[in-house]
Amino acid sequence: MTWNDRISWLALASCMSLWAFVMVVAGLIVIFDLPNRVGFPVRLSLLVGGLLVAGGQFLFALTASRLFFPGASPRLTGVVELLPWAVFAVVACSAFFWNN
């Protein structure tokens, strides 16, 4: 691996990790703070925030983890990449069927 490859690898990993972190933090803000401050509907904030959190976790699992652990088992990485979407599906179903 040449010096340029290492620098581009590090730049990609740090950008993707930072973007995933921003998505997760924005999702948590939408879930916990937006309904109280703006009067945003709780169901909608759970859906949007859950989507942001799941997207950030998926982005980190897809890009940064594959860069840091290129020899990982495809079965393990597949499970790790599917877990955020399973969590989002549970949040979406509970938000849709939530009785007030």
N, C-alpha and C. Protein backbone atom coordinates (compact mmCIF):
# COMPACT_ATOMS: atom_id res chain seq x y z
N MET A 1 0.85 -1.18 0.00
CA MET A 1 0.00 0.00 0.00
C MET A 1 0.90 1.24 0.00
N THR A 2 0.66 2.10 -0.94
CA THR A 2 1.48 3.30 -1.06
C THR A 2 1.00 4.37 -0.07
N TRP A 3 1.79 5.41 0.02
CA TRP A 3 1.48 6.51 0.93
C TRP A 3 0.17 7.19 0.54
N ASN A 4 -0.06 7.39 -0.74
CA ASN A 4 -1.31 8.01 -1.20
C ASN A 4 -2.52 7.14 -0.90
N ASP A 5 -2.36 5.83 -1.03
CA ASP A 5 -3.47 4.93 -0.70
C ASP A 5 -3.81 5.00 0.78
N ARG A 6 -2.80 5.08 1.61
CA ARG A 6 -3.04 5.17 3.06
C ARG A 6 -3.74 6.47 3.44
N ILE A 7 -3.32 7.55 2.82
CA ILE A 7 -3.94 8.84 3.12
C ILE A 7 -5.38 8.86 2.64
N SER A 8 -5.64 8.36 1.45
CA SER A 8 -7.02 8.34 0.96
C SER A 8 -7.87 7.39 1.79
N TRP A 9 -7.32 6.28 2.24
CA TRP A 9 -8.04 5.35 3.10
C TRP A 9 -8.39 6.02 4.42
N LEU A 10 -7.45 6.72 5.00
CA LEU A 10 -7.70 7.41 6.27
C LEU A 10 -8.71 8.54 6.10
N ALA A 11 -8.61 9.27 5.01
CA ALA A 11 -9.57 10.36 4.76
C ALA A 11 -10.98 9.82 4.57
N LEU A 12 -11.12 8.74 3.82
CA LEU A 12 -12.44 8.14 3.61
C LEU A 12 -13.02 7.61 4.91
N ALA A 13 -12.20 6.91 5.68
CA ALA A 13 -12.68 6.35 6.95
C ALA A 13 -13.08 7.45 7.93
N SER A 14 -12.30 8.51 8.01
CA SER A 14 -12.64 9.58 8.95
C SER A 14 -13.88 10.36 8.49
N CYS A 15 -14.02 10.60 7.21
CA CYS A 15 -15.21 11.31 6.71
C CYS A 15 -16.48 10.49 6.92
N MET A 16 -16.42 9.22 6.62
CA MET A 16 -17.59 8.36 6.80
C MET A 16 -17.95 8.19 8.27
N SER A 17 -16.95 8.08 9.12
CA SER A 17 -17.22 7.97 10.56
C SER A 17 -17.83 9.26 11.10
N LEU A 18 -17.32 10.39 10.66
CA LEU A 18 -17.87 11.67 11.10
C LEU A 18 -19.29 11.85 10.59
N TRP A 19 -19.55 11.50 9.35
CA TRP A 19 -20.90 11.63 8.80
C TRP A 19 -21.87 10.71 9.54
N ALA A 20 -21.45 9.49 9.85
CA ALA A 20 -22.31 8.57 10.60
C ALA A 20 -22.58 9.13 12.00
N PHE A 21 -21.58 9.70 12.64
CA PHE A 21 -21.76 10.29 13.97
C PHE A 21 -22.75 11.45 13.92
N VAL A 22 -22.64 12.30 12.90
CA VAL A 22 -23.56 13.43 12.76
C VAL A 22 -24.99 12.93 12.56
N MET A 23 -25.17 11.88 11.76
CA MET A 23 -26.51 11.34 11.54
C MET A 23 -27.11 10.78 12.83
N VAL A 24 -26.31 10.07 13.60
CA VAL A 24 -26.81 9.49 14.85
C VAL A 24 -27.17 10.59 15.85
N VAL A 25 -26.32 11.59 15.99
CA VAL A 25 -26.61 12.68 16.92
C VAL A 25 -27.83 13.47 16.48
N ALA A 26 -27.96 13.73 15.18
CA ALA A 26 -29.15 14.43 14.68
C ALA A 26 -30.40 13.61 14.92
N GLY A 27 -30.32 12.31 14.73
CA GLY A 27 -31.47 11.45 15.01
C GLY A 27 -31.87 11.46 16.47
N LEU A 28 -30.90 11.45 17.36
CA LEU A 28 -31.21 11.50 18.79
C LEU A 28 -31.81 12.85 19.18
N ILE A 29 -31.33 13.91 18.58
CA ILE A 29 -31.92 15.23 18.84
C ILE A 29 -33.36 15.28 18.36
N VAL A 30 -33.61 14.72 17.18
CA VAL A 30 -34.98 14.70 16.65
C VAL A 30 -35.89 13.88 17.56
N ILE A 31 -35.40 12.77 18.06
CA ILE A 31 -36.24 11.91 18.90
C ILE A 31 -36.53 12.56 20.25
N PHE A 32 -35.51 13.07 20.91
CA PHE A 32 -35.68 13.51 22.30
C PHE A 32 -35.96 14.99 22.47
N ASP A 33 -35.51 15.85 21.58
CA ASP A 33 -35.62 17.29 21.82
C ASP A 33 -36.65 17.99 20.94
N LEU A 34 -36.84 17.53 19.73
CA LEU A 34 -37.72 18.23 18.80
C LEU A 34 -39.18 18.27 19.25
N PRO A 35 -39.76 17.18 19.78
CA PRO A 35 -41.16 17.28 20.22
C PRO A 35 -41.37 18.30 21.33
N ASN A 36 -40.41 18.46 22.23
CA ASN A 36 -40.55 19.40 23.34
C ASN A 36 -40.35 20.85 22.91
N ARG A 37 -39.43 21.10 22.01
CA ARG A 37 -39.12 22.47 21.61
C ARG A 37 -40.10 23.05 20.61
N VAL A 38 -40.41 22.28 19.58
CA VAL A 38 -41.17 22.82 18.47
C VAL A 38 -42.62 22.35 18.47
N GLY A 39 -42.91 21.32 19.23
CA GLY A 39 -44.25 20.76 19.20
C GLY A 39 -44.43 19.78 18.05
N PHE A 40 -43.34 19.22 17.58
CA PHE A 40 -43.34 18.22 16.52
C PHE A 40 -44.07 16.98 17.02
N PRO A 41 -44.89 16.33 16.20
CA PRO A 41 -45.59 15.12 16.65
C PRO A 41 -44.61 14.03 17.08
N VAL A 42 -44.93 13.38 18.18
CA VAL A 42 -44.01 12.38 18.75
C VAL A 42 -43.82 11.20 17.80
N ARG A 43 -44.89 10.74 17.18
CA ARG A 43 -44.78 9.60 16.26
C ARG A 43 -43.86 9.93 15.10
N LEU A 44 -44.03 11.09 14.54
CA LEU A 44 -43.21 11.48 13.40
C LEU A 44 -41.75 11.68 13.81
N SER A 45 -41.53 12.22 15.00
CA SER A 45 -40.16 12.41 15.46
C SER A 45 -39.49 11.06 15.72
N LEU A 46 -40.25 10.08 16.21
CA LEU A 46 -39.68 8.74 16.39
C LEU A 46 -39.31 8.12 15.05
N LEU A 47 -40.15 8.30 14.05
CA LEU A 47 -39.85 7.74 12.74
C LEU A 47 -38.64 8.41 12.09
N VAL A 48 -38.63 9.73 12.07
CA VAL A 48 -37.52 10.45 11.43
C VAL A 48 -36.22 10.24 12.21
N GLY A 49 -36.29 10.34 13.52
CA GLY A 49 -35.09 10.12 14.32
C GLY A 49 -34.59 8.70 14.23
N GLY A 50 -35.51 7.73 14.23
CA GLY A 50 -35.10 6.33 14.08
C GLY A 50 -34.45 6.07 12.74
N LEU A 51 -34.97 6.71 11.70
CA LEU A 51 -34.37 6.56 10.38
C LEU A 51 -32.97 7.16 10.35
N LEU A 52 -32.78 8.32 10.97
CA LEU A 52 -31.45 8.93 11.00
C LEU A 52 -30.46 8.09 11.80
N VAL A 53 -30.88 7.59 12.95
CA VAL A 53 -29.99 6.76 13.77
C VAL A 53 -29.63 5.47 13.03
N ALA A 54 -30.64 4.81 12.46
CA ALA A 54 -30.38 3.57 11.73
C ALA A 54 -29.49 3.83 10.51
N GLY A 55 -29.73 4.93 9.82
CA GLY A 55 -28.89 5.26 8.67
C GLY A 55 -27.44 5.53 9.06
N GLY A 56 -27.24 6.23 10.17
CA GLY A 56 -25.89 6.49 10.64
C GLY A 56 -25.16 5.23 11.05
N GLN A 57 -25.86 4.34 11.74
CA GLN A 57 -25.24 3.08 12.13
C GLN A 57 -24.93 2.21 10.91
N PHE A 58 -25.84 2.21 9.95
CA PHE A 58 -25.62 1.44 8.73
C PHE A 58 -24.44 2.01 7.95
N LEU A 59 -24.36 3.32 7.85
CA LEU A 59 -23.26 3.95 7.12
C LEU A 59 -21.93 3.62 7.77
N PHE A 60 -21.87 3.66 9.08
CA PHE A 60 -20.63 3.31 9.76
C PHE A 60 -20.28 1.85 9.54
N ALA A 61 -21.28 0.96 9.65
CA ALA A 61 -21.02 -0.46 9.46
C ALA A 61 -20.59 -0.76 8.03
N LEU A 62 -21.17 -0.07 7.09
CA LEU A 62 -20.89 -0.35 5.68
C LEU A 62 -19.52 0.17 5.25
N THR A 63 -19.16 1.36 5.66
CA THR A 63 -17.93 1.96 5.12
C THR A 63 -16.75 1.84 6.07
N ALA A 64 -16.85 2.42 7.24
CA ALA A 64 -15.70 2.49 8.12
C ALA A 64 -15.29 1.10 8.64
N SER A 65 -16.26 0.28 8.98
CA SER A 65 -15.91 -1.05 9.49
C SER A 65 -15.27 -1.90 8.41
N ARG A 66 -15.76 -1.79 7.19
CA ARG A 66 -15.14 -2.57 6.11
C ARG A 66 -13.74 -2.08 5.81
N LEU A 67 -13.50 -0.79 6.01
CA LEU A 67 -12.14 -0.29 5.80
C LEU A 67 -11.20 -0.74 6.91
N PHE A 68 -11.69 -0.76 8.14
CA PHE A 68 -10.84 -1.14 9.26
C PHE A 68 -10.66 -2.65 9.38
N PHE A 69 -11.67 -3.42 8.99
CA PHE A 69 -11.62 -4.87 9.09
C PHE A 69 -11.97 -5.51 7.74
N PRO A 70 -11.08 -5.44 6.77
CA PRO A 70 -11.41 -5.94 5.43
C PRO A 70 -11.54 -7.45 5.36
N GLY A 71 -10.94 -8.18 6.28
CA GLY A 71 -11.00 -9.64 6.23
C GLY A 71 -12.09 -10.24 7.08
N ALA A 72 -13.06 -9.45 7.50
CA ALA A 72 -14.13 -9.96 8.36
C ALA A 72 -15.04 -10.89 7.57
N SER A 73 -15.68 -11.79 8.31
CA SER A 73 -16.57 -12.76 7.70
C SER A 73 -17.78 -12.07 7.07
N PRO A 74 -18.16 -12.44 5.85
CA PRO A 74 -19.34 -11.81 5.23
C PRO A 74 -20.63 -12.08 6.00
N ARG A 75 -20.73 -13.22 6.66
CA ARG A 75 -21.92 -13.49 7.47
C ARG A 75 -22.02 -12.52 8.63
N LEU A 76 -20.90 -12.29 9.30
CA LEU A 76 -20.90 -11.37 10.44
C LEU A 76 -21.17 -9.95 10.00
N THR A 77 -20.54 -9.52 8.93
CA THR A 77 -20.77 -8.15 8.46
C THR A 77 -22.20 -7.97 7.95
N GLY A 78 -22.77 -9.00 7.37
CA GLY A 78 -24.16 -8.91 6.92
C GLY A 78 -25.12 -8.73 8.07
N VAL A 79 -24.87 -9.46 9.17
CA VAL A 79 -25.72 -9.32 10.36
C VAL A 79 -25.57 -7.94 10.96
N VAL A 80 -24.34 -7.46 11.04
CA VAL A 80 -24.09 -6.14 11.62
C VAL A 80 -24.72 -5.04 10.76
N GLU A 81 -24.74 -5.22 9.45
CA GLU A 81 -25.34 -4.22 8.57
C GLU A 81 -26.87 -4.28 8.59
N LEU A 82 -27.45 -5.44 8.88
CA LEU A 82 -28.90 -5.56 8.91
C LEU A 82 -29.52 -5.16 10.24
N LEU A 83 -28.77 -5.20 11.32
CA LEU A 83 -29.32 -4.88 12.63
C LEU A 83 -29.91 -3.47 12.74
N PRO A 84 -29.26 -2.42 12.22
CA PRO A 84 -29.90 -1.09 12.31
C PRO A 84 -31.25 -1.02 11.62
N TRP A 85 -31.40 -1.72 10.51
CA TRP A 85 -32.68 -1.68 9.80
C TRP A 85 -33.74 -2.48 10.54
N ALA A 86 -33.34 -3.54 11.24
CA ALA A 86 -34.30 -4.27 12.06
C ALA A 86 -34.78 -3.40 13.22
N VAL A 87 -33.87 -2.66 13.82
CA VAL A 87 -34.25 -1.74 14.91
C VAL A 87 -35.18 -0.66 14.37
N PHE A 88 -34.89 -0.13 13.20
CA PHE A 88 -35.77 0.88 12.62
C PHE A 88 -37.15 0.31 12.31
N ALA A 89 -37.21 -0.92 11.85
CA ALA A 89 -38.51 -1.54 11.56
C ALA A 89 -39.33 -1.69 12.84
N VAL A 90 -38.69 -2.05 13.94
CA VAL A 90 -39.40 -2.16 15.21
C VAL A 90 -39.89 -0.79 15.66
N VAL A 91 -39.05 0.24 15.54
CA VAL A 91 -39.46 1.59 15.92
C VAL A 91 -40.60 2.08 15.04
N ALA A 92 -40.53 1.81 13.75
CA ALA A 92 -41.59 2.25 12.84
C ALA A 92 -42.91 1.55 13.14
N CYS A 93 -42.85 0.25 13.39
CA CYS A 93 -44.09 -0.47 13.71
C CYS A 93 -44.68 0.00 15.02
N SER A 94 -43.83 0.24 16.01
CA SER A 94 -44.37 0.71 17.30
C SER A 94 -44.90 2.13 17.18
N ALA A 95 -44.31 2.96 16.33
CA ALA A 95 -44.82 4.32 16.16
C ALA A 95 -46.15 4.32 15.42
N PHE A 96 -46.31 3.43 14.45
CA PHE A 96 -47.56 3.35 13.71
C PHE A 96 -48.71 2.81 14.55
N PHE A 97 -48.41 1.86 15.42
CA PHE A 97 -49.45 1.21 16.21
C PHE A 97 -49.55 1.75 17.63
N TRP A 98 -48.94 2.88 17.89
CA TRP A 98 -48.95 3.48 19.21
C TRP A 98 -50.32 4.13 19.44
N ASN A 99 -51.00 3.75 20.50
CA ASN A 99 -52.31 4.33 20.83
C ASN A 99 -52.14 5.46 21.81
N ASN A 100 -52.74 6.60 21.51
CA ASN A 100 -52.69 7.74 22.43
C ASN A 100 -53.90 7.74 23.31
